[in-house]
Amino acid sequence: MMRQGTDIKIVVRNKNVDSALRILKRKTKDALIDLRSKEHYEKPSEKRHRMKQAAKIREHKRQKDENKTKRRRH
């Protein structure tokens, strides 16, 4: 987790700003998620519902990927 006041330095090589931006997003991802979650109070039931929906999406994606690999084997 990033602390307040921590400086992040990203080196832009060969004028490739897109790559540097991707790296910046990856480094700040956890901090942004944490800030968004603390914008307002979330009831425990809402949090459970959100986590359950995320689990359903992950499971659906896993099954979809699993079906793709089965089709390739045949």
PDB file of N, CA and C in Angstrom:
ATOM      1  N   MET A   1       0.830  -1.169   0.000  1.00  0.00           N
ATOM      2  CA  MET A   1       0.000   0.000   0.000  1.00  0.00           C
ATOM      3  C   MET A   1       0.883   1.243   0.000  1.00  0.00           C
ATOM      4  N   MET A   2       0.489   2.234  -0.726  1.00  0.00           N
ATOM      5  CA  MET A   2       1.285   3.453  -0.819  1.00  0.00           C
ATOM      6  C   MET A   2       0.952   4.376   0.344  1.00  0.00           C
ATOM      7  N   ARG A   3       1.963   5.055   0.831  1.00  0.00           N
ATOM      8  CA  ARG A   3       1.762   6.014   1.909  1.00  0.00           C
ATOM      9  C   ARG A   3       1.702   7.417   1.334  1.00  0.00           C
ATOM     10  N   GLN A   4       1.030   8.271   2.070  1.00  0.00           N
ATOM     11  CA  GLN A   4       0.927   9.651   1.626  1.00  0.00           C
ATOM     12  C   GLN A   4       2.309  10.286   1.674  1.00  0.00           C
ATOM     13  N   GLY A   5       2.653  11.010   0.647  1.00  0.00           N
ATOM     14  CA  GLY A   5       3.947  11.665   0.588  1.00  0.00           C
ATOM     15  C   GLY A   5       5.019  10.828  -0.087  1.00  0.00           C
ATOM     16  N   THR A   6       4.702   9.628  -0.492  1.00  0.00           N
ATOM     17  CA  THR A   6       5.653   8.766  -1.184  1.00  0.00           C
ATOM     18  C   THR A   6       5.772   9.237  -2.630  1.00  0.00           C
ATOM     19  N   ASP A   7       6.974   9.493  -3.048  1.00  0.00           N
ATOM     20  CA  ASP A   7       7.194   9.934  -4.425  1.00  0.00           C
ATOM     21  C   ASP A   7       7.337   8.726  -5.330  1.00  0.00           C
ATOM     22  N   ILE A   8       6.664   8.794  -6.455  1.00  0.00           N
ATOM     23  CA  ILE A   8       6.758   7.744  -7.450  1.00  0.00           C
ATOM     24  C   ILE A   8       7.468   8.328  -8.658  1.00  0.00           C
ATOM     25  N   LYS A   9       8.500   7.639  -9.096  1.00  0.00           N
ATOM     26  CA  LYS A   9       9.244   8.116 -10.260  1.00  0.00           C
ATOM     27  C   LYS A   9       9.116   7.089 -11.373  1.00  0.00           C
ATOM     28  N   ILE A  10       8.700   7.562 -12.524  1.00  0.00           N
ATOM     29  CA  ILE A  10       8.558   6.717 -13.695  1.00  0.00           C
ATOM     30  C   ILE A  10       9.479   7.286 -14.767  1.00  0.00           C
ATOM     31  N   VAL A  11      10.317   6.446 -15.322  1.00  0.00           N
ATOM     32  CA  VAL A  11      11.245   6.871 -16.361  1.00  0.00           C
ATOM     33  C   VAL A  11      10.605   6.632 -17.725  1.00  0.00           C
ATOM     34  N   VAL A  12      10.542   7.683 -18.537  1.00  0.00           N
ATOM     35  CA  VAL A  12      10.003   7.574 -19.895  1.00  0.00           C
ATOM     36  C   VAL A  12      11.187   7.307 -20.818  1.00  0.00           C
ATOM     37  N   ARG A  13      11.153   6.156 -21.476  1.00  0.00           N
ATOM     38  CA  ARG A  13      12.262   5.781 -22.359  1.00  0.00           C
ATOM     39  C   ARG A  13      11.826   5.888 -23.808  1.00  0.00           C
ATOM     40  N   ASN A  14      12.687   6.420 -24.623  1.00  0.00           N
ATOM     41  CA  ASN A  14      12.450   6.541 -26.066  1.00  0.00           C
ATOM     42  C   ASN A  14      11.131   7.231 -26.394  1.00  0.00           C
ATOM     43  N   LYS A  15      10.768   8.210 -25.586  1.00  0.00           N
ATOM     44  CA  LYS A  15       9.545   8.994 -25.779  1.00  0.00           C
ATOM     45  C   LYS A  15       8.295   8.119 -25.812  1.00  0.00           C
ATOM     46  N   ASN A  16       8.328   7.001 -25.097  1.00  0.00           N
ATOM     47  CA  ASN A  16       7.199   6.082 -25.057  1.00  0.00           C
ATOM     48  C   ASN A  16       6.362   6.384 -23.813  1.00  0.00           C
ATOM     49  N   VAL A  17       5.480   7.363 -23.944  1.00  0.00           N
ATOM     50  CA  VAL A  17       4.660   7.817 -22.826  1.00  0.00           C
ATOM     51  C   VAL A  17       3.595   6.782 -22.476  1.00  0.00           C
ATOM     52  N   ASP A  18       3.073   6.068 -23.470  1.00  0.00           N
ATOM     53  CA  ASP A  18       2.036   5.065 -23.215  1.00  0.00           C
ATOM     54  C   ASP A  18       2.536   3.987 -22.253  1.00  0.00           C
ATOM     55  N   SER A  19       3.751   3.535 -22.474  1.00  0.00           N
ATOM     56  CA  SER A  19       4.324   2.513 -21.605  1.00  0.00           C
ATOM     57  C   SER A  19       4.519   3.055 -20.194  1.00  0.00           C
ATOM     58  N   ALA A  20       4.994   4.281 -20.087  1.00  0.00           N
ATOM     59  CA  ALA A  20       5.200   4.893 -18.773  1.00  0.00           C
ATOM     60  C   ALA A  20       3.872   5.085 -18.053  1.00  0.00           C
ATOM     61  N   LEU A  21       2.835   5.460 -18.782  1.00  0.00           N
ATOM     62  CA  LEU A  21       1.511   5.628 -18.187  1.00  0.00           C
ATOM     63  C   LEU A  21       0.965   4.310 -17.663  1.00  0.00           C
ATOM     64  N   ARG A  22       1.187   3.225 -18.406  1.00  0.00           N
ATOM     65  CA  ARG A  22       0.765   1.898 -17.966  1.00  0.00           C
ATOM     66  C   ARG A  22       1.445   1.515 -16.652  1.00  0.00           C
ATOM     67  N   ILE A  23       2.740   1.802 -16.558  1.00  0.00           N
ATOM     68  CA  ILE A  23       3.500   1.499 -15.344  1.00  0.00           C
ATOM     69  C   ILE A  23       2.977   2.321 -14.174  1.00  0.00           C
ATOM     70  N   LEU A  24       2.685   3.595 -14.416  1.00  0.00           N
ATOM     71  CA  LEU A  24       2.150   4.464 -13.369  1.00  0.00           C
ATOM     72  C   LEU A  24       0.808   3.938 -12.862  1.00  0.00           C
ATOM     73  N   LYS A  25      -0.062   3.551 -13.777  1.00  0.00           N
ATOM     74  CA  LYS A  25      -1.366   3.021 -13.384  1.00  0.00           C
ATOM     75  C   LYS A  25      -1.209   1.757 -12.553  1.00  0.00           C
ATOM     76  N   ARG A  26      -0.274   0.910 -12.934  1.00  0.00           N
ATOM     77  CA  ARG A  26      -0.046  -0.335 -12.199  1.00  0.00           C
ATOM     78  C   ARG A  26       0.437  -0.041 -10.779  1.00  0.00           C
ATOM     79  N   LYS A  27       1.312   0.963 -10.638  1.00  0.00           N
ATOM     80  CA  LYS A  27       1.857   1.290  -9.321  1.00  0.00           C
ATOM     81  C   LYS A  27       0.841   1.962  -8.409  1.00  0.00           C
ATOM     82  N   THR A  28      -0.095   2.712  -8.980  1.00  0.00           N
ATOM     83  CA  THR A  28      -1.056   3.450  -8.167  1.00  0.00           C
ATOM     84  C   THR A  28      -2.404   2.750  -8.056  1.00  0.00           C
ATOM     85  N   LYS A  29      -2.540   1.593  -8.638  1.00  0.00           N
ATOM     86  CA  LYS A  29      -3.816   0.886  -8.684  1.00  0.00           C
ATOM     87  C   LYS A  29      -4.397   0.645  -7.288  1.00  0.00           C
ATOM     88  N   ASP A  30      -3.598   0.102  -6.376  1.00  0.00           N
ATOM     89  CA  ASP A  30      -4.087  -0.205  -5.033  1.00  0.00           C
ATOM     90  C   ASP A  30      -4.502   1.052  -4.277  1.00  0.00           C
ATOM     91  N   ALA A  31      -3.743   2.115  -4.417  1.00  0.00           N
ATOM     92  CA  ALA A  31      -4.063   3.357  -3.716  1.00  0.00           C
ATOM     93  C   ALA A  31      -5.371   3.946  -4.221  1.00  0.00           C
ATOM     94  N   LEU A  32      -5.596   3.890  -5.518  1.00  0.00           N
ATOM     95  CA  LEU A  32      -6.827   4.436  -6.084  1.00  0.00           C
ATOM     96  C   LEU A  32      -8.044   3.625  -5.659  1.00  0.00           C
ATOM     97  N   ILE A  33      -7.910   2.313  -5.629  1.00  0.00           N
ATOM     98  CA  ILE A  33      -9.015   1.463  -5.198  1.00  0.00           C
ATOM     99  C   ILE A  33      -9.351   1.755  -3.742  1.00  0.00           C
ATOM    100  N   ASP A  34      -8.327   1.925  -2.922  1.00  0.00           N
ATOM    101  CA  ASP A  34      -8.534   2.220  -1.510  1.00  0.00           C
ATOM    102  C   ASP A  34      -9.229   3.569  -1.326  1.00  0.00           C
ATOM    103  N   LEU A  35      -8.809   4.577  -2.081  1.00  0.00           N
ATOM    104  CA  LEU A  35      -9.427   5.898  -1.977  1.00  0.00           C
ATOM    105  C   LEU A  35     -10.887   5.863  -2.411  1.00  0.00           C
ATOM    106  N   ARG A  36     -11.179   5.150  -3.484  1.00  0.00           N
ATOM    107  CA  ARG A  36     -12.553   5.059  -3.965  1.00  0.00           C
ATOM    108  C   ARG A  36     -13.441   4.367  -2.938  1.00  0.00           C
ATOM    109  N   SER A  37     -12.917   3.344  -2.290  1.00  0.00           N
ATOM    110  CA  SER A  37     -13.738   2.605  -1.329  1.00  0.00           C
ATOM    111  C   SER A  37     -14.034   3.426  -0.081  1.00  0.00           C
ATOM    112  N   LYS A  38     -13.206   4.416   0.212  1.00  0.00           N
ATOM    113  CA  LYS A  38     -13.407   5.223   1.408  1.00  0.00           C
ATOM    114  C   LYS A  38     -14.116   6.549   1.124  1.00  0.00           C
ATOM    115  N   GLU A  39     -14.610   6.732  -0.092  1.00  0.00           N
ATOM    116  CA  GLU A  39     -15.311   7.965  -0.417  1.00  0.00           C
ATOM    117  C   GLU A  39     -16.576   8.112   0.399  1.00  0.00           C
ATOM    118  N   HIS A  40     -17.283   7.018   0.619  1.00  0.00           N
ATOM    119  CA  HIS A  40     -18.514   7.052   1.403  1.00  0.00           C
ATOM    120  C   HIS A  40     -18.641   5.743   2.153  1.00  0.00           C
ATOM    121  N   TYR A  41     -19.479   5.760   3.169  1.00  0.00           N
ATOM    122  CA  TYR A  41     -19.680   4.555   3.973  1.00  0.00           C
ATOM    123  C   TYR A  41     -20.441   3.510   3.165  1.00  0.00           C
ATOM    124  N   GLU A  42     -19.964   2.290   3.267  1.00  0.00           N
ATOM    125  CA  GLU A  42     -20.630   1.179   2.588  1.00  0.00           C
ATOM    126  C   GLU A  42     -21.120   0.198   3.657  1.00  0.00           C
ATOM    127  N   LYS A  43     -22.421  -0.051   3.637  1.00  0.00           N
ATOM    128  CA  LYS A  43     -22.983  -0.974   4.616  1.00  0.00           C
ATOM    129  C   LYS A  43     -22.388  -2.362   4.408  1.00  0.00           C
ATOM    130  N   PRO A  44     -22.253  -3.126   5.496  1.00  0.00           N
ATOM    131  CA  PRO A  44     -21.697  -4.477   5.369  1.00  0.00           C
ATOM    132  C   PRO A  44     -22.458  -5.345   4.369  1.00  0.00           C
ATOM    133  N   SER A  45     -23.790  -5.195   4.312  1.00  0.00           N
ATOM    134  CA  SER A  45     -24.564  -5.995   3.360  1.00  0.00           C
ATOM    135  C   SER A  45     -24.235  -5.591   1.929  1.00  0.00           C
ATOM    136  N   GLU A  46     -23.992  -4.293   1.689  1.00  0.00           N
ATOM    137  CA  GLU A  46     -23.616  -3.836   0.347  1.00  0.00           C
ATOM    138  C   GLU A  46     -22.245  -4.382  -0.038  1.00  0.00           C
ATOM    139  N   LYS A  47     -21.344  -4.408   0.938  1.00  0.00           N
ATOM    140  CA  LYS A  47     -20.001  -4.926   0.680  1.00  0.00           C
ATOM    141  C   LYS A  47     -20.061  -6.414   0.332  1.00  0.00           C
ATOM    142  N   ARG A  48     -20.859  -7.184   1.087  1.00  0.00           N
ATOM    143  CA  ARG A  48     -21.020  -8.612   0.799  1.00  0.00           C
ATOM    144  C   ARG A  48     -21.587  -8.815  -0.600  1.00  0.00           C
ATOM    145  N   HIS A  49     -22.585  -8.009  -0.953  1.00  0.00           N
ATOM    146  CA  HIS A  49     -23.204  -8.114  -2.274  1.00  0.00           C
ATOM    147  C   HIS A  49     -22.186  -7.824  -3.373  1.00  0.00           C
ATOM    148  N   ARG A  50     -21.387  -6.777  -3.192  1.00  0.00           N
ATOM    149  CA  ARG A  50     -20.372  -6.412  -4.187  1.00  0.00           C
ATOM    150  C   ARG A  50     -19.338  -7.521  -4.335  1.00  0.00           C
ATOM    151  N   MET A  51     -18.893  -8.074  -3.207  1.00  0.00           N
ATOM    152  CA  MET A  51     -17.895  -9.147  -3.245  1.00  0.00           C
ATOM    153  C   MET A  51     -18.477 -10.407  -3.905  1.00  0.00           C
ATOM    154  N   LYS A  52     -19.746 -10.703  -3.644  1.00  0.00           N
ATOM    155  CA  LYS A  52     -20.392 -11.864  -4.235  1.00  0.00           C
ATOM    156  C   LYS A  52     -20.501 -11.707  -5.750  1.00  0.00           C
ATOM    157  N   GLN A  53     -20.852 -10.507  -6.206  1.00  0.00           N
ATOM    158  CA  GLN A  53     -20.953 -10.244  -7.636  1.00  0.00           C
ATOM    159  C   GLN A  53     -19.584 -10.389  -8.305  1.00  0.00           C
ATOM    160  N   ALA A  54     -18.539  -9.885  -7.639  1.00  0.00           N
ATOM    161  CA  ALA A  54     -17.185 -10.002  -8.192  1.00  0.00           C
ATOM    162  C   ALA A  54     -16.776 -11.477  -8.292  1.00  0.00           C
ATOM    163  N   ALA A  55     -17.144 -12.269  -7.292  1.00  0.00           N
ATOM    164  CA  ALA A  55     -16.819 -13.702  -7.320  1.00  0.00           C
ATOM    165  C   ALA A  55     -17.546 -14.398  -8.463  1.00  0.00           C
ATOM    166  N   LYS A  56     -18.804 -14.016  -8.702  1.00  0.00           N
ATOM    167  CA  LYS A  56     -19.559 -14.608  -9.808  1.00  0.00           C
ATOM    168  C   LYS A  56     -18.896 -14.287 -11.142  1.00  0.00           C
ATOM    169  N   ILE A  57     -18.458 -13.047 -11.306  1.00  0.00           N
ATOM    170  CA  ILE A  57     -17.803 -12.634 -12.548  1.00  0.00           C
ATOM    171  C   ILE A  57     -16.500 -13.404 -12.739  1.00  0.00           C
ATOM    172  N   ARG A  58     -15.701 -13.537 -11.648  1.00  0.00           N
ATOM    173  CA  ARG A  58     -14.438 -14.282 -11.736  1.00  0.00           C
ATOM    174  C   ARG A  58     -14.689 -15.738 -12.111  1.00  0.00           C
ATOM    175  N   GLU A  59     -15.698 -16.347 -11.492  1.00  0.00           N
ATOM    176  CA  GLU A  59     -16.007 -17.749 -11.779  1.00  0.00           C
ATOM    177  C   GLU A  59     -16.473 -17.922 -13.217  1.00  0.00           C
ATOM    178  N   HIS A  60     -17.310 -17.011 -13.678  1.00  0.00           N
ATOM    179  CA  HIS A  60     -17.788 -17.070 -15.062  1.00  0.00           C
ATOM    180  C   HIS A  60     -16.607 -16.950 -16.038  1.00  0.00           C
ATOM    181  N   LYS A  61     -15.701 -16.036 -15.736  1.00  0.00           N
ATOM    182  CA  LYS A  61     -14.522 -15.846 -16.590  1.00  0.00           C
ATOM    183  C   LYS A  61     -13.644 -17.100 -16.577  1.00  0.00           C
ATOM    184  N   ARG A  62     -13.485 -17.716 -15.379  1.00  0.00           N
ATOM    185  CA  ARG A  62     -12.670 -18.927 -15.273  1.00  0.00           C
ATOM    186  C   ARG A  62     -13.273 -20.057 -16.089  1.00  0.00           C
ATOM    187  N   GLN A  63     -14.595 -20.220 -15.995  1.00  0.00           N
ATOM    188  CA  GLN A  63     -15.256 -21.280 -16.752  1.00  0.00           C
ATOM    189  C   GLN A  63     -15.178 -21.027 -18.254  1.00  0.00           C
ATOM    190  N   LYS A  64     -15.283 -19.771 -18.637  1.00  0.00           N
ATOM    191  CA  LYS A  64     -15.195 -19.408 -20.056  1.00  0.00           C
ATOM    192  C   LYS A  64     -13.806 -19.754 -20.595  1.00  0.00           C
ATOM    193  N   ASP A  65     -12.760 -19.404 -19.825  1.00  0.00           N
ATOM    194  CA  ASP A  65     -11.387 -19.722 -20.229  1.00  0.00           C
ATOM    195  C   ASP A  65     -11.165 -21.232 -20.268  1.00  0.00           C
ATOM    196  N   GLU A  66     -11.759 -21.933 -19.313  1.00  0.00           N
ATOM    197  CA  GLU A  66     -11.619 -23.386 -19.260  1.00  0.00           C
ATOM    198  C   GLU A  66     -12.245 -24.031 -20.492  1.00  0.00           C
ATOM    199  N   ASN A  67     -13.392 -23.527 -20.920  1.00  0.00           N
ATOM    200  CA  ASN A  67     -14.055 -24.057 -22.107  1.00  0.00           C
ATOM    201  C   ASN A  67     -13.239 -23.789 -23.367  1.00  0.00           C
ATOM    202  N   LYS A  68     -12.585 -22.654 -23.417  1.00  0.00           N
ATOM    203  CA  LYS A  68     -11.745 -22.331 -24.582  1.00  0.00           C
ATOM    204  C   LYS A  68     -10.590 -23.311 -24.701  1.00  0.00           C
ATOM    205  N   THR A  69      -9.954 -23.636 -23.574  1.00  0.00           N
ATOM    206  CA  THR A  69      -8.812 -24.546 -23.623  1.00  0.00           C
ATOM    207  C   THR A  69      -9.250 -25.963 -23.984  1.00  0.00           C
ATOM    208  N   LYS A  70     -10.457 -26.349 -23.565  1.00  0.00           N
ATOM    209  CA  LYS A  70     -10.964 -27.686 -23.929  1.00  0.00           C
ATOM    210  C   LYS A  70     -11.204 -27.788 -25.422  1.00  0.00           C
ATOM    211  N   ARG A  71     -11.709 -26.733 -26.014  1.00  0.00           N
ATOM    212  CA  ARG A  71     -11.998 -26.738 -27.455  1.00  0.00           C
ATOM    213  C   ARG A  71     -10.701 -26.818 -28.266  1.00  0.00           C
ATOM    214  N   ARG A  72      -9.657 -26.190 -27.794  1.00  0.00           N
ATOM    215  CA  ARG A  72      -8.393 -26.202 -28.520  1.00  0.00           C
ATOM    216  C   ARG A  72      -7.742 -27.575 -28.532  1.00  0.00           C
ATOM    217  N   ARG A  73      -7.965 -28.356 -27.492  1.00  0.00           N
ATOM    218  CA  ARG A  73      -7.346 -29.675 -27.387  1.00  0.00           C
ATOM    219  C   ARG A  73      -7.891 -30.661 -28.413  1.00  0.00           C
ATOM    220  N   HIS A  74      -9.133 -30.489 -28.812  1.00  0.00           N
ATOM    221  CA  HIS A  74      -9.745 -31.460 -29.713  1.00  0.00           C
ATOM    222  C   HIS A  74      -9.314 -31.264 -31.130  1.00  0.00           C
TER     223      HIS A  74
END
